[in-house]
Amino acid sequence: VVLALWLLSQLLGLCRPELRMDRDRLLNSYFALIMTFFTSVTDMALTIFKCSDNPSGVYTLKRDRSITCYRGEWNGMVVVGALAVLFWCVGFVALLLRTIY
């Protein structure tokens, strides 16, 4: 969304230079948008790792008790969860630190 708005402002800036978006404002908008969703996306990415013990001795996913942890369907979902944590949680913090320093 931010990139599309920036491209649109660059195209409009060819006719009217005052409409061209400033790079610093673009980065500010981008990081504000990411910070808005960071907590909820991180929570969703980590949900797959939140398993709890049942009285029967089987670990199930806290959010969906029909999914048994460490078996079958969960093994496929844990790959997606690990990639989400890697790219979103670690990647965003690395990008933020690179931008600041």
C-alpha atoms as a PDB file:
ATOM      1  CA  VAL A   1       0.000   0.000   0.000  1.00  0.00           C
ATOM      2  CA  VAL A   2       2.745   2.421   0.982  1.00  0.00           C
ATOM      3  CA  LEU A   3       4.793   1.572  -2.108  1.00  0.00           C
ATOM      4  CA  ALA A   4       1.752   2.034  -4.364  1.00  0.00           C
ATOM      5  CA  LEU A   5       1.065   5.450  -2.843  1.00  0.00           C
ATOM      6  CA  TRP A   6       4.701   6.429  -3.271  1.00  0.00           C
ATOM      7  CA  LEU A   7       4.663   5.389  -6.950  1.00  0.00           C
ATOM      8  CA  LEU A   8       1.430   7.300  -7.485  1.00  0.00           C
ATOM      9  CA  SER A   9       2.933  10.404  -5.883  1.00  0.00           C
ATOM     10  CA  GLN A  10       6.001  10.114  -8.122  1.00  0.00           C
ATOM     11  CA  LEU A  11       3.800   9.914 -11.218  1.00  0.00           C
ATOM     12  CA  LEU A  12       1.672  12.840 -10.089  1.00  0.00           C
ATOM     13  CA  GLY A  13       4.874  14.707  -9.247  1.00  0.00           C
ATOM     14  CA  LEU A  14       5.786  14.765 -12.918  1.00  0.00           C
ATOM     15  CA  CYS A  15       2.882  17.156 -13.507  1.00  0.00           C
ATOM     16  CA  ARG A  16       2.754  18.834 -10.086  1.00  0.00           C
ATOM     17  CA  PRO A  17       6.052  18.638  -8.140  1.00  0.00           C
ATOM     18  CA  GLU A  18       4.406  19.635  -4.841  1.00  0.00           C
ATOM     19  CA  LEU A  19       2.509  16.304  -4.837  1.00  0.00           C
ATOM     20  CA  ARG A  20       5.698  14.238  -4.786  1.00  0.00           C
ATOM     21  CA  MET A  21       6.027  12.256  -1.529  1.00  0.00           C
ATOM     22  CA  ASP A  22       9.064  12.868   0.668  1.00  0.00           C
ATOM     23  CA  ARG A  23      11.230   9.777   1.365  1.00  0.00           C
ATOM     24  CA  ASP A  24      11.358  10.419   5.123  1.00  0.00           C
ATOM     25  CA  ARG A  25       7.587  10.702   5.349  1.00  0.00           C
ATOM     26  CA  LEU A  26       7.239   7.510   3.337  1.00  0.00           C
ATOM     27  CA  LEU A  27       9.460   5.576   5.763  1.00  0.00           C
ATOM     28  CA  ASN A  28       7.619   7.099   8.718  1.00  0.00           C
ATOM     29  CA  SER A  29       4.274   5.955   7.285  1.00  0.00           C
ATOM     30  CA  TYR A  30       5.620   2.503   6.479  1.00  0.00           C
ATOM     31  CA  PHE A  31       7.004   1.843   9.947  1.00  0.00           C
ATOM     32  CA  ALA A  32       3.905   3.281  11.614  1.00  0.00           C
ATOM     33  CA  LEU A  33       1.804   0.813   9.610  1.00  0.00           C
ATOM     34  CA  ILE A  34       4.065  -2.092  10.561  1.00  0.00           C
ATOM     35  CA  MET A  35       4.065  -1.103  14.241  1.00  0.00           C
ATOM     36  CA  THR A  36       0.264  -1.021  14.198  1.00  0.00           C
ATOM     37  CA  PHE A  37       0.037  -4.689  13.227  1.00  0.00           C
ATOM     38  CA  PHE A  38       3.268  -6.020  14.771  1.00  0.00           C
ATOM     39  CA  THR A  39       1.781  -7.265  18.054  1.00  0.00           C
ATOM     40  CA  SER A  40      -1.219  -9.035  16.535  1.00  0.00           C
ATOM     41  CA  VAL A  41       0.765 -10.679  13.730  1.00  0.00           C
ATOM     42  CA  THR A  42       3.438 -11.788  16.213  1.00  0.00           C
ATOM     43  CA  ASP A  43       0.762 -13.288  18.461  1.00  0.00           C
ATOM     44  CA  MET A  44      -0.730 -15.196  15.526  1.00  0.00           C
ATOM     45  CA  ALA A  45       2.712 -16.437  14.447  1.00  0.00           C
ATOM     46  CA  LEU A  46       3.482 -17.715  17.950  1.00  0.00           C
ATOM     47  CA  THR A  47       0.054 -19.341  18.462  1.00  0.00           C
ATOM     48  CA  ILE A  48       1.219 -22.580  16.828  1.00  0.00           C
ATOM     49  CA  PHE A  49       3.792 -23.042  19.596  1.00  0.00           C
ATOM     50  CA  LYS A  50       1.290 -22.623  22.453  1.00  0.00           C
ATOM     51  CA  CYS A  51       0.397 -26.184  23.423  1.00  0.00           C
ATOM     52  CA  SER A  52      -1.072 -27.348  26.719  1.00  0.00           C
ATOM     53  CA  ASP A  53      -1.361 -30.693  28.470  1.00  0.00           C
ATOM     54  CA  ASN A  54      -4.776 -32.328  28.758  1.00  0.00           C
ATOM     55  CA  PRO A  55      -5.906 -34.755  31.474  1.00  0.00           C
ATOM     56  CA  SER A  56      -5.507 -37.551  28.922  1.00  0.00           C
ATOM     57  CA  GLY A  57      -1.788 -36.745  28.661  1.00  0.00           C
ATOM     58  CA  VAL A  58      -2.028 -35.487  25.069  1.00  0.00           C
ATOM     59  CA  TYR A  59      -0.763 -32.014  24.220  1.00  0.00           C
ATOM     60  CA  THR A  60      -3.162 -29.944  22.115  1.00  0.00           C
ATOM     61  CA  LEU A  61      -3.086 -26.472  20.666  1.00  0.00           C
ATOM     62  CA  LYS A  62      -4.545 -23.943  23.122  1.00  0.00           C
ATOM     63  CA  ARG A  63      -6.439 -22.088  20.400  1.00  0.00           C
ATOM     64  CA  ASP A  64      -7.873 -25.237  18.765  1.00  0.00           C
ATOM     65  CA  ARG A  65      -8.130 -28.313  20.982  1.00  0.00           C
ATOM     66  CA  SER A  66      -8.813 -30.556  17.977  1.00  0.00           C
ATOM     67  CA  ILE A  67      -5.177 -30.198  16.823  1.00  0.00           C
ATOM     68  CA  THR A  68      -2.734 -32.518  18.583  1.00  0.00           C
ATOM     69  CA  CYS A  69       0.703 -30.962  19.070  1.00  0.00           C
ATOM     70  CA  TYR A  70       3.874 -32.670  17.861  1.00  0.00           C
ATOM     71  CA  ARG A  71       1.912 -34.921  15.462  1.00  0.00           C
ATOM     72  CA  GLY A  72       0.360 -34.943  11.993  1.00  0.00           C
ATOM     73  CA  GLU A  73      -1.290 -31.663  11.039  1.00  0.00           C
ATOM     74  CA  TRP A  74       0.673 -29.702  13.652  1.00  0.00           C
ATOM     75  CA  ASN A  75       4.012 -30.694  12.067  1.00  0.00           C
ATOM     76  CA  GLY A  76       2.963 -29.060   8.801  1.00  0.00           C
ATOM     77  CA  MET A  77       1.758 -25.916  10.516  1.00  0.00           C
ATOM     78  CA  VAL A  78       4.892 -25.520  12.637  1.00  0.00           C
ATOM     79  CA  VAL A  79       6.979 -24.929   9.496  1.00  0.00           C
ATOM     80  CA  VAL A  80       4.722 -22.034   8.492  1.00  0.00           C
ATOM     81  CA  GLY A  81       4.775 -20.720  12.066  1.00  0.00           C
ATOM     82  CA  ALA A  82       8.566 -20.862  12.239  1.00  0.00           C
ATOM     83  CA  LEU A  83       8.884 -19.005   8.920  1.00  0.00           C
ATOM     84  CA  ALA A  84       6.401 -16.376  10.106  1.00  0.00           C
ATOM     85  CA  VAL A  85       8.371 -15.855  13.317  1.00  0.00           C
ATOM     86  CA  LEU A  86      11.636 -15.687  11.388  1.00  0.00           C
ATOM     87  CA  PHE A  87      10.501 -13.242   8.717  1.00  0.00           C
ATOM     88  CA  TRP A  88       8.076 -11.119  10.709  1.00  0.00           C
ATOM     89  CA  CYS A  89       9.438 -11.016  14.252  1.00  0.00           C
ATOM     90  CA  VAL A  90      13.163 -11.315  13.614  1.00  0.00           C
ATOM     91  CA  GLY A  91      13.105  -9.695  10.172  1.00  0.00           C
ATOM     92  CA  PHE A  92      11.187  -6.619  11.261  1.00  0.00           C
ATOM     93  CA  VAL A  93      13.408  -6.026  14.288  1.00  0.00           C
ATOM     94  CA  ALA A  94      16.510  -6.433  12.085  1.00  0.00           C
ATOM     95  CA  LEU A  95      15.098  -3.969   9.540  1.00  0.00           C
ATOM     96  CA  LEU A  96      14.242  -1.510  12.286  1.00  0.00           C
ATOM     97  CA  LEU A  97      17.728  -1.738  13.805  1.00  0.00           C
ATOM     98  CA  ARG A  98      19.326  -1.345  10.373  1.00  0.00           C
ATOM     99  CA  THR A  99      17.254   1.755   9.699  1.00  0.00           C
ATOM    100  CA  ILE A 100      18.016   3.322  13.081  1.00  0.00           C
ATOM    101  CA  TYR A 101      21.735   2.565  13.112  1.00  0.00           C
END
